[in-house]
Amino acid sequence: MSNPQRKTNERADGGGRAVHDIGGLDLGPVDRHEHDLKLWEKRTDAMLMLLTGPKKGAFKIDALRRTIEDYSQQDYDSIGYYDKWIKAIRNLVVEQEILTQEEVERRMAELAKTHAKAGRKVSKQKVSW
């Protein structure tokens, strides 16, 4: 059964492929070096495990994949692996009516202000919904 809200975006350079279907395309070298995860990446992974837990998960891991697969080509190509996850988590907590978009944006503004006040670098970049 198809979902009328599902919007599979095609790659401009992929001959009809979906945005996320990049296997075999020449998109440059892949960095295969191992690296330690940053704290925010570990926290993103932990949030995902909590939100998709076996008992009362807020959503299924398939929903995360669906959300990432629906990104625009610009978003898909320009953000990193865990950035894709955290954006999908944010979008899914709104989609599943756990929080409203306004609640998420208000909390993010509060956190940015707190971090800036503490002298931490705060990105001014807006992440599309």
Protein backbone atom coordinates (compact mmCIF):
# COMPACT_ATOMS: atom_id res chain seq x y z
CA MET A 1 0.00 0.00 0.00
CA SER A 2 1.50 3.37 -0.98
CA ASN A 3 1.60 6.35 1.34
CA PRO A 4 0.27 9.52 -0.37
CA GLN A 5 2.39 11.68 1.98
CA ARG A 6 5.58 9.86 0.99
CA LYS A 7 7.73 11.98 -1.26
CA THR A 8 10.53 10.01 -2.86
CA ASN A 9 12.87 12.60 -4.33
CA GLU A 10 14.97 11.67 -7.36
CA ARG A 11 18.66 12.51 -7.71
CA ALA A 12 19.35 15.20 -10.30
CA ASP A 13 22.41 13.22 -11.39
CA GLY A 14 21.14 9.68 -10.81
CA GLY A 15 19.13 8.72 -13.87
CA GLY A 16 15.87 8.22 -11.98
CA ARG A 17 17.43 6.96 -8.74
CA ALA A 18 16.10 8.09 -5.40
CA VAL A 19 18.19 10.63 -3.48
CA HIS A 20 19.50 8.03 -1.02
CA ASP A 21 20.37 5.46 -3.74
CA ILE A 22 24.00 6.46 -4.28
CA GLY A 23 25.65 3.05 -4.66
CA GLY A 24 27.97 3.01 -7.66
CA LEU A 25 27.75 6.73 -8.37
CA ASP A 26 31.01 8.65 -8.63
CA LEU A 27 30.66 11.01 -5.67
CA GLY A 28 34.32 11.18 -4.79
CA PRO A 29 36.46 9.26 -2.30
CA VAL A 30 35.03 7.65 0.81
CA ASP A 31 36.87 8.34 4.07
CA ARG A 32 37.38 4.86 5.50
CA HIS A 33 39.45 5.90 8.50
CA GLU A 34 38.19 4.79 11.89
CA HIS A 35 37.48 7.59 14.33
CA ASP A 36 36.10 7.92 17.81
CA LEU A 37 32.53 9.12 17.96
CA LYS A 38 31.97 12.63 19.22
CA LEU A 39 29.86 13.01 22.34
CA TRP A 40 26.84 14.31 20.39
CA GLU A 41 27.06 11.31 18.03
CA LYS A 42 27.02 8.92 21.00
CA ARG A 43 24.05 10.80 22.44
CA THR A 44 22.24 10.65 19.11
CA ASP A 45 22.74 6.88 19.04
CA ALA A 46 21.48 6.60 22.64
CA MET A 47 18.39 8.71 21.86
CA LEU A 48 17.61 6.51 18.88
CA MET A 49 17.89 3.36 21.00
CA LEU A 50 15.56 4.85 23.63
CA LEU A 51 13.02 6.07 21.09
CA THR A 52 12.91 2.79 19.16
CA GLY A 53 13.05 0.50 22.18
CA PRO A 54 11.22 -2.85 22.13
CA LYS A 55 8.68 -2.03 24.84
CA LYS A 56 7.10 1.35 24.09
CA GLY A 57 9.14 2.83 21.31
CA ALA A 58 8.02 6.19 19.95
CA PHE A 59 8.62 4.95 16.41
CA LYS A 60 10.20 2.07 14.52
CA ILE A 61 13.68 2.17 13.05
CA ASP A 62 11.99 1.87 9.64
CA ALA A 63 10.46 5.30 10.26
CA LEU A 64 13.95 6.74 10.72
CA ARG A 65 15.04 5.20 7.42
CA ARG A 66 11.90 6.48 5.64
CA THR A 67 12.47 9.98 6.97
CA ILE A 68 16.11 10.02 5.85
CA GLU A 69 15.19 8.63 2.42
CA ASP A 70 12.76 11.52 1.96
CA TYR A 71 15.42 14.24 2.36
CA SER A 72 16.12 16.53 -0.56
CA GLN A 73 19.27 15.78 -2.54
CA GLN A 74 20.90 18.92 -1.14
CA ASP A 75 20.21 17.83 2.45
CA TYR A 76 21.15 14.21 1.84
CA ASP A 77 24.45 15.10 0.18
CA SER A 78 25.46 17.93 2.53
CA ILE A 79 24.94 16.48 6.00
CA GLY A 80 26.80 13.70 7.73
CA TYR A 81 25.67 10.30 8.95
CA TYR A 82 24.68 11.26 12.49
CA ASP A 83 23.37 14.62 11.30
CA LYS A 84 20.89 12.66 9.17
CA TRP A 85 19.87 10.64 12.24
CA ILE A 86 19.38 13.62 14.56
CA LYS A 87 17.36 15.53 11.93
CA ALA A 88 15.18 12.44 11.39
CA ILE A 89 14.68 12.01 15.16
CA ARG A 90 13.65 15.66 15.43
CA ASN A 91 11.20 15.32 12.56
CA LEU A 92 9.76 12.06 13.90
CA VAL A 93 9.08 13.34 17.42
CA VAL A 94 6.98 16.04 15.73
CA GLU A 95 5.36 13.63 13.26
CA GLN A 96 4.46 11.26 16.10
CA GLU A 97 3.05 14.22 18.09
CA ILE A 98 5.44 13.74 21.02
CA LEU A 99 6.42 17.42 20.69
CA THR A 100 5.27 20.22 18.43
CA GLN A 101 7.58 21.95 16.00
CA GLU A 102 7.23 25.10 18.10
CA GLU A 103 8.27 23.22 21.27
CA VAL A 104 11.36 21.82 19.54
CA GLU A 105 12.35 25.21 18.12
CA ARG A 106 11.79 26.96 21.47
CA ARG A 107 13.93 24.41 23.32
CA MET A 108 16.68 24.61 20.70
CA ALA A 109 16.73 28.42 21.06
CA GLU A 110 16.98 28.06 24.85
CA LEU A 111 19.86 25.59 24.53
CA ALA A 112 21.69 27.81 22.03
CA LYS A 113 21.40 30.76 24.41
CA THR A 114 22.65 28.67 27.36
CA HIS A 115 25.64 27.37 25.40
CA ALA A 116 26.53 30.80 24.01
CA LYS A 117 26.36 32.27 27.50
CA ALA A 118 28.77 29.56 28.69
CA GLY A 119 31.22 30.57 25.94
CA ARG A 120 30.62 27.55 23.71
CA LYS A 121 30.48 27.87 19.96
CA VAL A 122 26.88 27.81 18.73
CA SER A 123 26.03 27.29 15.09
CA LYS A 124 23.65 29.82 13.59
CA GLN A 125 22.83 27.43 10.75
CA LYS A 126 19.15 26.57 10.43
CA VAL A 127 18.32 22.95 9.68
CA SER A 128 15.38 22.55 7.32
CA TRP A 129 12.36 20.57 8.42
